[in-house]
C-alpha atoms as a PDB file:
ATOM      1  CA  UNK A   1       0.000   0.000   0.000  1.00  0.00           C
ATOM      2  CA  UNK A   2       1.448   3.307  -0.976  1.00  0.00           C
ATOM      3  CA  UNK A   3       1.815   6.062   1.549  1.00  0.00           C
ATOM      4  CA  UNK A   4       0.809   9.551   0.485  1.00  0.00           C
ATOM      5  CA  UNK A   5       1.973  12.557   2.460  1.00  0.00           C
ATOM      6  CA  UNK A   6       0.819  16.128   2.103  1.00  0.00           C
ATOM      7  CA  UNK A   7       2.249  19.459   3.162  1.00  0.00           C
ATOM      8  CA  UNK A   8       0.225  22.620   2.725  1.00  0.00           C
ATOM      9  CA  UNK A   9       2.088  25.879   2.326  1.00  0.00           C
ATOM     10  CA  UNK A  10       0.468  29.253   2.193  1.00  0.00           C
ATOM     11  CA  UNK A  11       1.997  32.525   1.113  1.00  0.00           C
ATOM     12  CA  UNK A  12       3.208  34.624   4.004  1.00  0.00           C
ATOM     13  CA  UNK A  13       3.912  38.327   4.207  1.00  0.00           C
ATOM     14  CA  UNK A  14       7.395  39.439   3.232  1.00  0.00           C
ATOM     15  CA  UNK A  15       9.657  39.352   6.265  1.00  0.00           C
ATOM     16  CA  UNK A  16      11.493  42.526   5.352  1.00  0.00           C
ATOM     17  CA  UNK A  17       9.476  45.690   5.906  1.00  0.00           C
ATOM     18  CA  UNK A  18       9.815  48.832   3.853  1.00  0.00           C
ATOM     19  CA  UNK A  19      11.246  50.642   6.851  1.00  0.00           C
ATOM     20  CA  UNK A  20      13.992  48.077   7.221  1.00  0.00           C
ATOM     21  CA  UNK A  21      14.860  48.364   3.558  1.00  0.00           C
ATOM     22  CA  UNK A  22      15.203  52.128   3.868  1.00  0.00           C
ATOM     23  CA  UNK A  23      17.167  52.058   7.098  1.00  0.00           C
ATOM     24  CA  UNK A  24      20.668  53.324   6.537  1.00  0.00           C
ATOM     25  CA  UNK A  25      20.350  53.079   2.782  1.00  0.00           C
ATOM     26  CA  UNK A  26      22.042  56.395   2.098  1.00  0.00           C
ATOM     27  CA  UNK A  27      25.082  55.875   4.307  1.00  0.00           C
ATOM     28  CA  UNK A  28      25.761  52.127   4.069  1.00  0.00           C
ATOM     29  CA  UNK A  29      24.338  50.957   0.754  1.00  0.00           C
ATOM     30  CA  UNK A  30      27.023  48.920  -1.015  1.00  0.00           C
ATOM     31  CA  UNK A  31      25.327  48.774  -4.400  1.00  0.00           C
ATOM     32  CA  UNK A  32      23.966  45.198  -4.013  1.00  0.00           C
ATOM     33  CA  UNK A  33      20.249  44.490  -3.909  1.00  0.00           C
ATOM     34  CA  UNK A  34      19.073  41.175  -2.469  1.00  0.00           C
ATOM     35  CA  UNK A  35      15.823  39.985  -4.063  1.00  0.00           C
ATOM     36  CA  UNK A  36      13.069  38.907  -1.677  1.00  0.00           C
ATOM     37  CA  UNK A  37      12.309  35.224  -1.209  1.00  0.00           C
ATOM     38  CA  UNK A  38       9.815  33.917  -3.763  1.00  0.00           C
ATOM     39  CA  UNK A  39       6.296  33.416  -2.452  1.00  0.00           C
ATOM     40  CA  UNK A  40       5.555  29.941  -1.113  1.00  0.00           C
ATOM     41  CA  UNK A  41       3.401  27.513  -3.080  1.00  0.00           C
ATOM     42  CA  UNK A  42      -0.285  27.150  -2.294  1.00  0.00           C
ATOM     43  CA  UNK A  43       0.159  23.414  -1.696  1.00  0.00           C
ATOM     44  CA  UNK A  44       2.505  20.529  -2.372  1.00  0.00           C
ATOM     45  CA  UNK A  45       2.102  16.780  -1.956  1.00  0.00           C
ATOM     46  CA  UNK A  46       3.519  13.436  -3.030  1.00  0.00           C
ATOM     47  CA  UNK A  47       1.349  11.471  -5.465  1.00  0.00           C
ATOM     48  CA  UNK A  48       1.034   7.695  -5.845  1.00  0.00           C
ATOM     49  CA  UNK A  49       3.929   7.633  -8.326  1.00  0.00           C
ATOM     50  CA  UNK A  50       6.234   9.235  -5.773  1.00  0.00           C
ATOM     51  CA  UNK A  51       6.342  12.565  -7.594  1.00  0.00           C
ATOM     52  CA  UNK A  52       6.220  15.852  -5.693  1.00  0.00           C
ATOM     53  CA  UNK A  53       3.362  17.921  -7.083  1.00  0.00           C
ATOM     54  CA  UNK A  54       3.499  21.663  -6.442  1.00  0.00           C
ATOM     55  CA  UNK A  55       0.467  23.904  -6.899  1.00  0.00           C
ATOM     56  CA  UNK A  56       1.586  27.554  -7.088  1.00  0.00           C
ATOM     57  CA  UNK A  57      -1.979  28.757  -6.538  1.00  0.00           C
ATOM     58  CA  UNK A  58      -5.322  27.228  -5.685  1.00  0.00           C
ATOM     59  CA  UNK A  59      -6.386  25.482  -8.914  1.00  0.00           C
ATOM     60  CA  UNK A  60      -9.398  26.933 -10.689  1.00  0.00           C
ATOM     61  CA  UNK A  61      -9.565  24.767 -13.814  1.00  0.00           C
ATOM     62  CA  UNK A  62      -9.062  21.099 -12.956  1.00  0.00           C
ATOM     63  CA  UNK A  63      -8.976  18.288 -15.507  1.00  0.00           C
ATOM     64  CA  UNK A  64      -9.767  14.802 -14.192  1.00  0.00           C
ATOM     65  CA  UNK A  65      -8.987  12.000 -16.639  1.00  0.00           C
ATOM     66  CA  UNK A  66     -10.547   9.063 -14.751  1.00  0.00           C
ATOM     67  CA  UNK A  67     -14.245   8.798 -13.904  1.00  0.00           C
ATOM     68  CA  UNK A  68     -13.840   7.507 -10.337  1.00  0.00           C
ATOM     69  CA  UNK A  69     -11.462  10.362  -9.583  1.00  0.00           C
ATOM     70  CA  UNK A  70     -13.906  12.824 -11.139  1.00  0.00           C
ATOM     71  CA  UNK A  71     -16.428  11.677  -8.537  1.00  0.00           C
ATOM     72  CA  UNK A  72     -13.823  11.787  -5.766  1.00  0.00           C
ATOM     73  CA  UNK A  73     -12.693  15.314  -6.673  1.00  0.00           C
ATOM     74  CA  UNK A  74     -16.285  16.546  -6.550  1.00  0.00           C
ATOM     75  CA  UNK A  75     -16.926  14.776  -3.233  1.00  0.00           C
ATOM     76  CA  UNK A  76     -13.899  16.706  -1.969  1.00  0.00           C
ATOM     77  CA  UNK A  77     -15.557  19.984  -2.925  1.00  0.00           C
ATOM     78  CA  UNK A  78     -13.901  20.469  -6.295  1.00  0.00           C
ATOM     79  CA  UNK A  79     -15.309  21.210  -9.749  1.00  0.00           C
ATOM     80  CA  UNK A  80     -14.365  19.218 -12.852  1.00  0.00           C
ATOM     81  CA  UNK A  81     -13.632  21.453 -15.848  1.00  0.00           C
ATOM     82  CA  UNK A  82     -12.308  18.792 -18.245  1.00  0.00           C
ATOM     83  CA  UNK A  83     -12.734  15.019 -18.157  1.00  0.00           C
ATOM     84  CA  UNK A  84     -13.482  11.826 -20.146  1.00  0.00           C
ATOM     85  CA  UNK A  85     -16.677  10.344 -21.564  1.00  0.00           C
ATOM     86  CA  UNK A  86     -17.151   7.779 -18.809  1.00  0.00           C
ATOM     87  CA  UNK A  87     -17.511  10.589 -16.264  1.00  0.00           C
ATOM     88  CA  UNK A  88     -20.517  11.856 -18.220  1.00  0.00           C
ATOM     89  CA  UNK A  89     -21.960   8.350 -18.677  1.00  0.00           C
ATOM     90  CA  UNK A  90     -21.793   7.703 -14.943  1.00  0.00           C
ATOM     91  CA  UNK A  91     -23.504  11.015 -14.196  1.00  0.00           C
ATOM     92  CA  UNK A  92     -20.642  12.778 -12.452  1.00  0.00           C
ATOM     93  CA  UNK A  93     -20.360  15.733 -14.831  1.00  0.00           C
ATOM     94  CA  UNK A  94     -22.938  17.377 -17.117  1.00  0.00           C
ATOM     95  CA  UNK A  95     -23.259  16.949 -20.856  1.00  0.00           C
ATOM     96  CA  UNK A  96     -21.154  19.497 -22.672  1.00  0.00           C
ATOM     97  CA  UNK A  97     -18.156  19.235 -20.353  1.00  0.00           C
ATOM     98  CA  UNK A  98     -14.987  19.269 -22.505  1.00  0.00           C
ATOM     99  CA  UNK A  99     -13.719  15.709 -23.085  1.00  0.00           C
ATOM    100  CA  UNK A 100     -10.208  14.496 -23.877  1.00  0.00           C
ATOM    101  CA  UNK A 101     -11.377  10.916 -24.472  1.00  0.00           C
ATOM    102  CA  UNK A 102     -14.819   9.597 -25.360  1.00  0.00           C
ATOM    103  CA  UNK A 103     -14.439   6.535 -23.128  1.00  0.00           C
ATOM    104  CA  UNK A 104     -12.673   5.575 -19.917  1.00  0.00           C
ATOM    105  CA  UNK A 105      -9.512   7.592 -20.476  1.00  0.00           C
ATOM    106  CA  UNK A 106      -7.351   4.897 -22.038  1.00  0.00           C
ATOM    107  CA  UNK A 107      -6.319   7.221 -24.866  1.00  0.00           C
ATOM    108  CA  UNK A 108      -5.862  10.896 -24.018  1.00  0.00           C
ATOM    109  CA  UNK A 109      -6.048  13.689 -26.589  1.00  0.00           C
ATOM    110  CA  UNK A 110      -3.133  15.741 -25.283  1.00  0.00           C
ATOM    111  CA  UNK A 111      -3.627  18.531 -27.819  1.00  0.00           C
ATOM    112  CA  UNK A 112      -7.241  19.034 -26.740  1.00  0.00           C
ATOM    113  CA  UNK A 113      -6.209  18.903 -23.098  1.00  0.00           C
ATOM    114  CA  UNK A 114      -3.646  21.664 -23.595  1.00  0.00           C
ATOM    115  CA  UNK A 115      -6.194  23.793 -25.460  1.00  0.00           C
ATOM    116  CA  UNK A 116      -8.428  23.640 -22.356  1.00  0.00           C
ATOM    117  CA  UNK A 117      -5.583  25.168 -20.287  1.00  0.00           C
ATOM    118  CA  UNK A 118      -6.001  23.246 -17.011  1.00  0.00           C
ATOM    119  CA  UNK A 119      -4.019  24.448 -14.013  1.00  0.00           C
ATOM    120  CA  UNK A 120      -4.148  21.018 -12.328  1.00  0.00           C
ATOM    121  CA  UNK A 121      -4.658  17.558 -13.838  1.00  0.00           C
ATOM    122  CA  UNK A 122      -5.626  14.382 -11.972  1.00  0.00           C
ATOM    123  CA  UNK A 123      -4.677  11.101 -13.666  1.00  0.00           C
ATOM    124  CA  UNK A 124      -4.924   7.386 -12.919  1.00  0.00           C
ATOM    125  CA  UNK A 125      -1.517   5.810 -12.401  1.00  0.00           C
ATOM    126  CA  UNK A 126      -3.034   2.459 -13.401  1.00  0.00           C
ATOM    127  CA  UNK A 127      -3.668   3.536 -17.001  1.00  0.00           C
ATOM    128  CA  UNK A 128      -0.557   3.771 -19.176  1.00  0.00           C
ATOM    129  CA  UNK A 129      -1.851   6.592 -21.376  1.00  0.00           C
ATOM    130  CA  UNK A 130      -2.678   8.698 -18.325  1.00  0.00           C
ATOM    131  CA  UNK A 131       0.660   8.039 -16.633  1.00  0.00           C
ATOM    132  CA  UNK A 132       2.407   9.109 -19.839  1.00  0.00           C
ATOM    133  CA  UNK A 133       0.204  12.197 -20.068  1.00  0.00           C
ATOM    134  CA  UNK A 134       1.050  13.154 -16.488  1.00  0.00           C
ATOM    135  CA  UNK A 135       4.771  12.897 -17.195  1.00  0.00           C
ATOM    136  CA  UNK A 136       4.440  15.066 -20.307  1.00  0.00           C
ATOM    137  CA  UNK A 137       2.415  17.701 -18.469  1.00  0.00           C
ATOM    138  CA  UNK A 138       4.954  17.864 -15.657  1.00  0.00           C
ATOM    139  CA  UNK A 139       7.666  18.523 -18.246  1.00  0.00           C
ATOM    140  CA  UNK A 140       5.506  21.423 -19.453  1.00  0.00           C
ATOM    141  CA  UNK A 141       5.245  22.757 -15.867  1.00  0.00           C
ATOM    142  CA  UNK A 142       1.563  21.837 -15.601  1.00  0.00           C
ATOM    143  CA  UNK A 143       0.919  20.104 -12.243  1.00  0.00           C
ATOM    144  CA  UNK A 144      -0.336  16.573 -12.964  1.00  0.00           C
ATOM    145  CA  UNK A 145      -0.864  14.017 -10.203  1.00  0.00           C
ATOM    146  CA  UNK A 146      -1.084  10.261 -10.634  1.00  0.00           C
ATOM    147  CA  UNK A 147      -3.289   8.511  -8.092  1.00  0.00           C
ATOM    148  CA  UNK A 148      -3.839   4.791  -7.503  1.00  0.00           C
ATOM    149  CA  UNK A 149      -6.650   3.654  -5.198  1.00  0.00           C
ATOM    150  CA  UNK A 150      -6.805  -0.060  -4.383  1.00  0.00           C
ATOM    151  CA  UNK A 151      -8.163   0.107  -0.834  1.00  0.00           C
ATOM    152  CA  UNK A 152     -10.098   2.325   1.534  1.00  0.00           C
ATOM    153  CA  UNK A 153      -6.787   3.401   3.048  1.00  0.00           C
ATOM    154  CA  UNK A 154      -5.632   4.592  -0.383  1.00  0.00           C
ATOM    155  CA  UNK A 155      -8.932   6.413  -0.806  1.00  0.00           C
ATOM    156  CA  UNK A 156      -8.412   8.226   2.511  1.00  0.00           C
ATOM    157  CA  UNK A 157      -4.960   9.365   1.424  1.00  0.00           C
ATOM    158  CA  UNK A 158      -6.210  10.790  -1.873  1.00  0.00           C
ATOM    159  CA  UNK A 159      -9.314  12.315  -0.277  1.00  0.00           C
ATOM    160  CA  UNK A 160      -7.101  14.084   2.271  1.00  0.00           C
ATOM    161  CA  UNK A 161      -5.002  15.582  -0.513  1.00  0.00           C
ATOM    162  CA  UNK A 162      -8.052  16.721  -2.461  1.00  0.00           C
ATOM    163  CA  UNK A 163      -9.903  18.231   0.497  1.00  0.00           C
ATOM    164  CA  UNK A 164      -6.756  20.053   1.586  1.00  0.00           C
ATOM    165  CA  UNK A 165      -6.504  21.573  -1.885  1.00  0.00           C
ATOM    166  CA  UNK A 166     -10.182  22.575  -1.955  1.00  0.00           C
ATOM    167  CA  UNK A 167     -10.229  23.593   1.713  1.00  0.00           C
ATOM    168  CA  UNK A 168     -13.358  21.501   2.338  1.00  0.00           C
ATOM    169  CA  UNK A 169     -12.694  19.990   5.771  1.00  0.00           C
ATOM    170  CA  UNK A 170     -16.344  18.968   6.146  1.00  0.00           C
ATOM    171  CA  UNK A 171     -16.027  16.732   3.087  1.00  0.00           C
ATOM    172  CA  UNK A 172     -13.153  14.819   4.666  1.00  0.00           C
ATOM    173  CA  UNK A 173     -15.166  14.416   7.864  1.00  0.00           C
ATOM    174  CA  UNK A 174     -18.169  13.086   5.961  1.00  0.00           C
ATOM    175  CA  UNK A 175     -16.524  10.843   3.370  1.00  0.00           C
ATOM    176  CA  UNK A 176     -13.333  10.040   5.244  1.00  0.00           C
ATOM    177  CA  UNK A 177     -13.638  10.031   9.023  1.00  0.00           C
ATOM    178  CA  UNK A 178     -17.282   8.940   9.228  1.00  0.00           C
ATOM    179  CA  UNK A 179     -16.793   6.157   6.694  1.00  0.00           C
ATOM    180  CA  UNK A 180     -13.684   4.964   8.513  1.00  0.00           C
ATOM    181  CA  UNK A 181     -15.614   4.744  11.780  1.00  0.00           C
ATOM    182  CA  UNK A 182     -18.454   2.846  10.095  1.00  0.00           C
ATOM    183  CA  UNK A 183     -16.041   0.391   8.466  1.00  0.00           C
ATOM    184  CA  UNK A 184     -14.211  -0.202  11.756  1.00  0.00           C
ATOM    185  CA  UNK A 185     -17.555  -1.044  13.364  1.00  0.00           C
ATOM    186  CA  UNK A 186     -18.465  -3.454  10.560  1.00  0.00           C
ATOM    187  CA  UNK A 187     -15.116  -5.244  10.817  1.00  0.00           C
ATOM    188  CA  UNK A 188     -15.377  -5.421  14.610  1.00  0.00           C
ATOM    189  CA  UNK A 189     -18.911  -6.812  14.613  1.00  0.00           C
ATOM    190  CA  UNK A 190     -18.410  -9.292  11.770  1.00  0.00           C
ATOM    191  CA  UNK A 191     -15.826 -12.054  11.518  1.00  0.00           C
ATOM    192  CA  UNK A 192     -16.060 -14.836   8.977  1.00  0.00           C
ATOM    193  CA  UNK A 193     -13.050 -16.935   9.910  1.00  0.00           C
ATOM    194  CA  UNK A 194     -13.314 -20.400   8.382  1.00  0.00           C
ATOM    195  CA  UNK A 195     -15.599 -19.289   5.543  1.00  0.00           C
ATOM    196  CA  UNK A 196     -14.214 -20.254   2.132  1.00  0.00           C
ATOM    197  CA  UNK A 197     -15.161 -17.960  -0.732  1.00  0.00           C
ATOM    198  CA  UNK A 198     -14.450 -17.603  -4.427  1.00  0.00           C
ATOM    199  CA  UNK A 199     -14.328 -14.219  -6.130  1.00  0.00           C
ATOM    200  CA  UNK A 200     -14.910 -14.194  -9.896  1.00  0.00           C
ATOM    201  CA  UNK A 201     -14.832 -11.427 -12.466  1.00  0.00           C
ATOM    202  CA  UNK A 202     -16.974 -12.489 -15.406  1.00  0.00           C
ATOM    203  CA  UNK A 203     -17.707 -11.122 -18.839  1.00  0.00           C
ATOM    204  CA  UNK A 204     -20.090 -12.641 -21.371  1.00  0.00           C
ATOM    205  CA  UNK A 205     -18.098 -15.743 -22.389  1.00  0.00           C
ATOM    206  CA  UNK A 206     -16.286 -18.658 -20.749  1.00  0.00           C
ATOM    207  CA  UNK A 207     -12.946 -17.151 -21.729  1.00  0.00           C
ATOM    208  CA  UNK A 208     -13.742 -14.052 -19.674  1.00  0.00           C
ATOM    209  CA  UNK A 209     -14.405 -15.905 -16.407  1.00  0.00           C
ATOM    210  CA  UNK A 210     -11.478 -15.118 -14.122  1.00  0.00           C
ATOM    211  CA  UNK A 211     -10.814 -16.056 -10.513  1.00  0.00           C
ATOM    212  CA  UNK A 212      -9.393 -13.078  -8.606  1.00  0.00           C
ATOM    213  CA  UNK A 213      -7.142 -13.236  -5.567  1.00  0.00           C
ATOM    214  CA  UNK A 214      -7.166 -10.820  -2.658  1.00  0.00           C
ATOM    215  CA  UNK A 215      -4.048  -9.232  -4.132  1.00  0.00           C
ATOM    216  CA  UNK A 216      -5.433  -8.345  -7.545  1.00  0.00           C
ATOM    217  CA  UNK A 217      -8.954  -7.071  -6.821  1.00  0.00           C
ATOM    218  CA  UNK A 218      -9.932  -4.578  -4.134  1.00  0.00           C
ATOM    219  CA  UNK A 219     -13.253  -6.319  -3.372  1.00  0.00           C
ATOM    220  CA  UNK A 220     -11.479  -9.633  -2.813  1.00  0.00           C
ATOM    221  CA  UNK A 221      -9.190  -7.812  -0.383  1.00  0.00           C
ATOM    222  CA  UNK A 222     -12.253  -6.445   1.432  1.00  0.00           C
ATOM    223  CA  UNK A 223     -13.539 -10.000   1.827  1.00  0.00           C
ATOM    224  CA  UNK A 224     -10.169 -10.981   3.273  1.00  0.00           C
ATOM    225  CA  UNK A 225     -10.454  -8.134   5.802  1.00  0.00           C
ATOM    226  CA  UNK A 226     -13.797  -9.622   6.833  1.00  0.00           C
ATOM    227  CA  UNK A 227     -11.958 -12.837   7.694  1.00  0.00           C
ATOM    228  CA  UNK A 228     -12.875 -15.037   4.734  1.00  0.00           C
ATOM    229  CA  UNK A 229     -10.477 -17.344   2.924  1.00  0.00           C
ATOM    230  CA  UNK A 230     -10.389 -16.969  -0.857  1.00  0.00           C
ATOM    231  CA  UNK A 231      -9.654 -20.372  -2.416  1.00  0.00           C
ATOM    232  CA  UNK A 232      -8.016 -18.587  -5.363  1.00  0.00           C
ATOM    233  CA  UNK A 233      -5.317 -17.313  -2.992  1.00  0.00           C
ATOM    234  CA  UNK A 234      -4.004 -20.894  -2.702  1.00  0.00           C
ATOM    235  CA  UNK A 235      -4.746 -21.965  -6.251  1.00  0.00           C
ATOM    236  CA  UNK A 236      -1.451 -21.030  -7.871  1.00  0.00           C
ATOM    237  CA  UNK A 237       0.242 -23.690  -5.753  1.00  0.00           C
ATOM    238  CA  UNK A 238      -1.694 -26.487  -7.457  1.00  0.00           C
ATOM    239  CA  UNK A 239      -2.180 -25.235 -11.038  1.00  0.00           C
ATOM    240  CA  UNK A 240      -5.782 -24.492 -10.130  1.00  0.00           C
ATOM    241  CA  UNK A 241      -5.709 -21.153 -11.871  1.00  0.00           C
ATOM    242  CA  UNK A 242      -3.486 -20.667 -14.887  1.00  0.00           C
ATOM    243  CA  UNK A 243      -3.144 -16.986 -15.786  1.00  0.00           C
ATOM    244  CA  UNK A 244      -6.230 -16.528 -13.568  1.00  0.00           C
ATOM    245  CA  UNK A 245      -8.402 -18.616 -15.931  1.00  0.00           C
ATOM    246  CA  UNK A 246     -10.965 -20.492 -13.901  1.00  0.00           C
ATOM    247  CA  UNK A 247     -10.527 -24.253 -13.301  1.00  0.00           C
ATOM    248  CA  UNK A 248     -13.847 -25.865 -12.434  1.00  0.00           C
ATOM    249  CA  UNK A 249     -12.030 -28.987 -11.219  1.00  0.00           C
ATOM    250  CA  UNK A 250     -10.319 -27.026  -8.494  1.00  0.00           C
ATOM    251  CA  UNK A 251     -13.544 -25.283  -7.507  1.00  0.00           C
ATOM    252  CA  UNK A 252     -15.323 -28.641  -7.214  1.00  0.00           C
ATOM    253  CA  UNK A 253     -12.482 -29.899  -5.041  1.00  0.00           C
ATOM    254  CA  UNK A 254     -12.516 -26.898  -2.696  1.00  0.00           C
ATOM    255  CA  UNK A 255     -16.324 -26.438  -2.749  1.00  0.00           C
ATOM    256  CA  UNK A 256     -16.435 -22.827  -1.405  1.00  0.00           C
ATOM    257  CA  UNK A 257     -19.152 -21.659   0.989  1.00  0.00           C
ATOM    258  CA  UNK A 258     -19.938 -18.500  -1.009  1.00  0.00           C
ATOM    259  CA  UNK A 259     -19.238 -17.310  -4.560  1.00  0.00           C
ATOM    260  CA  UNK A 260     -19.085 -13.634  -5.529  1.00  0.00           C
ATOM    261  CA  UNK A 261     -19.342 -12.391  -9.106  1.00  0.00           C
ATOM    262  CA  UNK A 262     -18.546  -8.958 -10.491  1.00  0.00           C
ATOM    263  CA  UNK A 263     -18.999  -7.748 -14.058  1.00  0.00           C
ATOM    264  CA  UNK A 264     -16.335  -7.228 -16.668  1.00  0.00           C
ATOM    265  CA  UNK A 265     -17.654  -5.138 -19.538  1.00  0.00           C
ATOM    266  CA  UNK A 266     -21.409  -4.902 -20.044  1.00  0.00           C
ATOM    267  CA  UNK A 267     -23.112  -5.637 -16.723  1.00  0.00           C
ATOM    268  CA  UNK A 268     -26.329  -7.102 -18.135  1.00  0.00           C
ATOM    269  CA  UNK A 269     -24.472  -9.368 -20.567  1.00  0.00           C
ATOM    270  CA  UNK A 270     -22.203 -10.536 -17.757  1.00  0.00           C
ATOM    271  CA  UNK A 271     -25.107 -11.234 -15.417  1.00  0.00           C
ATOM    272  CA  UNK A 272     -26.936 -13.189 -18.124  1.00  0.00           C
ATOM    273  CA  UNK A 273     -23.888 -15.332 -18.865  1.00  0.00           C
ATOM    274  CA  UNK A 274     -23.294 -16.109 -15.174  1.00  0.00           C
ATOM    275  CA  UNK A 275     -26.917 -17.202 -14.725  1.00  0.00           C
ATOM    276  CA  UNK A 276     -26.572 -19.588 -17.675  1.00  0.00           C
ATOM    277  CA  UNK A 277     -23.249 -20.898 -16.360  1.00  0.00           C
ATOM    278  CA  UNK A 278     -24.744 -21.670 -12.952  1.00  0.00           C
ATOM    279  CA  UNK A 279     -27.305 -23.925 -14.656  1.00  0.00           C
ATOM    280  CA  UNK A 280     -24.572 -26.266 -15.849  1.00  0.00           C
ATOM    281  CA  UNK A 281     -24.387 -29.564 -13.950  1.00  0.00           C
ATOM    282  CA  UNK A 282     -20.870 -28.985 -12.624  1.00  0.00           C
ATOM    283  CA  UNK A 283     -21.788 -25.618 -11.144  1.00  0.00           C
ATOM    284  CA  UNK A 284     -25.151 -26.848  -9.864  1.00  0.00           C
ATOM    285  CA  UNK A 285     -23.346 -29.516  -7.847  1.00  0.00           C
ATOM    286  CA  UNK A 286     -21.504 -26.937  -5.737  1.00  0.00           C
ATOM    287  CA  UNK A 287     -22.731 -26.470  -2.159  1.00  0.00           C
ATOM    288  CA  UNK A 288     -22.830 -22.684  -2.534  1.00  0.00           C
ATOM    289  CA  UNK A 289     -24.951 -22.843  -5.690  1.00  0.00           C
ATOM    290  CA  UNK A 290     -27.363 -25.406  -4.246  1.00  0.00           C
ATOM    291  CA  UNK A 291     -27.811 -23.257  -1.128  1.00  0.00           C
ATOM    292  CA  UNK A 292     -28.186 -20.030  -3.104  1.00  0.00           C
ATOM    293  CA  UNK A 293     -25.039 -18.653  -1.515  1.00  0.00           C
ATOM    294  CA  UNK A 294     -23.792 -16.660  -4.478  1.00  0.00           C
ATOM    295  CA  UNK A 295     -24.209 -13.026  -5.448  1.00  0.00           C
ATOM    296  CA  UNK A 296     -23.686 -10.789  -8.457  1.00  0.00           C
ATOM    297  CA  UNK A 297     -22.167  -7.637  -6.996  1.00  0.00           C
ATOM    298  CA  UNK A 298     -23.166  -4.124  -8.050  1.00  0.00           C
ATOM    299  CA  UNK A 299     -20.735  -2.712 -10.595  1.00  0.00           C
ATOM    300  CA  UNK A 300     -20.714   0.800  -9.094  1.00  0.00           C
ATOM    301  CA  UNK A 301     -19.572  -0.612  -5.746  1.00  0.00           C
ATOM    302  CA  UNK A 302     -17.328  -3.505  -6.700  1.00  0.00           C
ATOM    303  CA  UNK A 303     -15.969  -2.840 -10.185  1.00  0.00           C
ATOM    304  CA  UNK A 304     -15.521   0.897  -9.918  1.00  0.00           C
ATOM    305  CA  UNK A 305     -14.098   2.154  -6.641  1.00  0.00           C
ATOM    306  CA  UNK A 306     -16.991   3.024  -4.266  1.00  0.00           C
ATOM    307  CA  UNK A 307     -15.574   6.391  -3.086  1.00  0.00           C
ATOM    308  CA  UNK A 308     -18.305   7.846  -0.861  1.00  0.00           C
ATOM    309  CA  UNK A 309     -19.871   4.371  -0.537  1.00  0.00           C
ATOM    310  CA  UNK A 310     -16.976   2.325   0.864  1.00  0.00           C
ATOM    311  CA  UNK A 311     -18.821   1.685   4.130  1.00  0.00           C
ATOM    312  CA  UNK A 312     -21.902   0.599   2.185  1.00  0.00           C
ATOM    313  CA  UNK A 313     -19.750  -1.811   0.172  1.00  0.00           C
ATOM    314  CA  UNK A 314     -18.310  -3.413   3.316  1.00  0.00           C
ATOM    315  CA  UNK A 315     -21.794  -3.746   4.813  1.00  0.00           C
ATOM    316  CA  UNK A 316     -23.114  -5.329   1.610  1.00  0.00           C
ATOM    317  CA  UNK A 317     -20.461  -8.045   1.770  1.00  0.00           C
ATOM    318  CA  UNK A 318     -21.012  -8.639   5.486  1.00  0.00           C
ATOM    319  CA  UNK A 319     -24.787  -8.939   5.016  1.00  0.00           C
ATOM    320  CA  UNK A 320     -24.345 -11.485   2.218  1.00  0.00           C
ATOM    321  CA  UNK A 321     -21.945 -13.579   4.283  1.00  0.00           C
ATOM    322  CA  UNK A 322     -24.257 -13.469   7.300  1.00  0.00           C
ATOM    323  CA  UNK A 323     -26.789 -15.392   5.206  1.00  0.00           C
ATOM    324  CA  UNK A 324     -24.624 -18.498   5.578  1.00  0.00           C
ATOM    325  CA  UNK A 325     -26.096 -20.687   8.288  1.00  0.00           C
END
């Protein structure tokens, strides 16, 4: 887990007064003028890529190139001036907002971005095109941060940075502190030690069915925090999952208590395929399927990062697991 630190600096009054500058100037001036110290930056912080980002002034025109971060920035009290198509599709920004990619931000139109003249750009460090864009912008002296959020702890770090920039302390209290307290309560009151689970990301074909470990999907990590044991975490030891492609033989052998599905691609197509798959004899023979202990998780909570709904996401998982008798 990366550690993000933040230091806020605000411009201070010049330490040398006019009177001091004039004092003795006629008798002792030696012909050398010492320039005053440059004004301090508005804020500086370290992003997820380890880069120090300096904001000379409070940003007024912010470009956010990843939809989940567009939501996060607005939760923090900010306004999105430039973004990508997925931010509009998910309802985070209005129609007509300037776009630098029609989709999820996997290909950034740098020329269009520069035309929009942002004074701060927020990028996803997980997307190669955005990481490259951030590096280019930094070379052009345009502050561009790369963020990576794979856990609630990561979310807190980024939220703290954003609310410090916007000055919205109430937003951090609401979406940070209060959620953290709610999650701590959920984890304290619910323990599922001894419960075997399987976490699957599924598309609309057999080739797209992938078992995910607690290391490569944030929702699987949440289930681990709740005390469950993901059978995929052990699978690599026995060739159960090859390149994370699902092996039904291994699943039959381990017979998990609960199976979680999340969509890859179109949610309705994924859900339809999973329902058909569960009607196959091999899947129907599993204890979890026979008992109805499986769930198709909401895409907004468990595919995209839940942002202001992290506590709700933890509670959803705990409620599903509590159904096991």
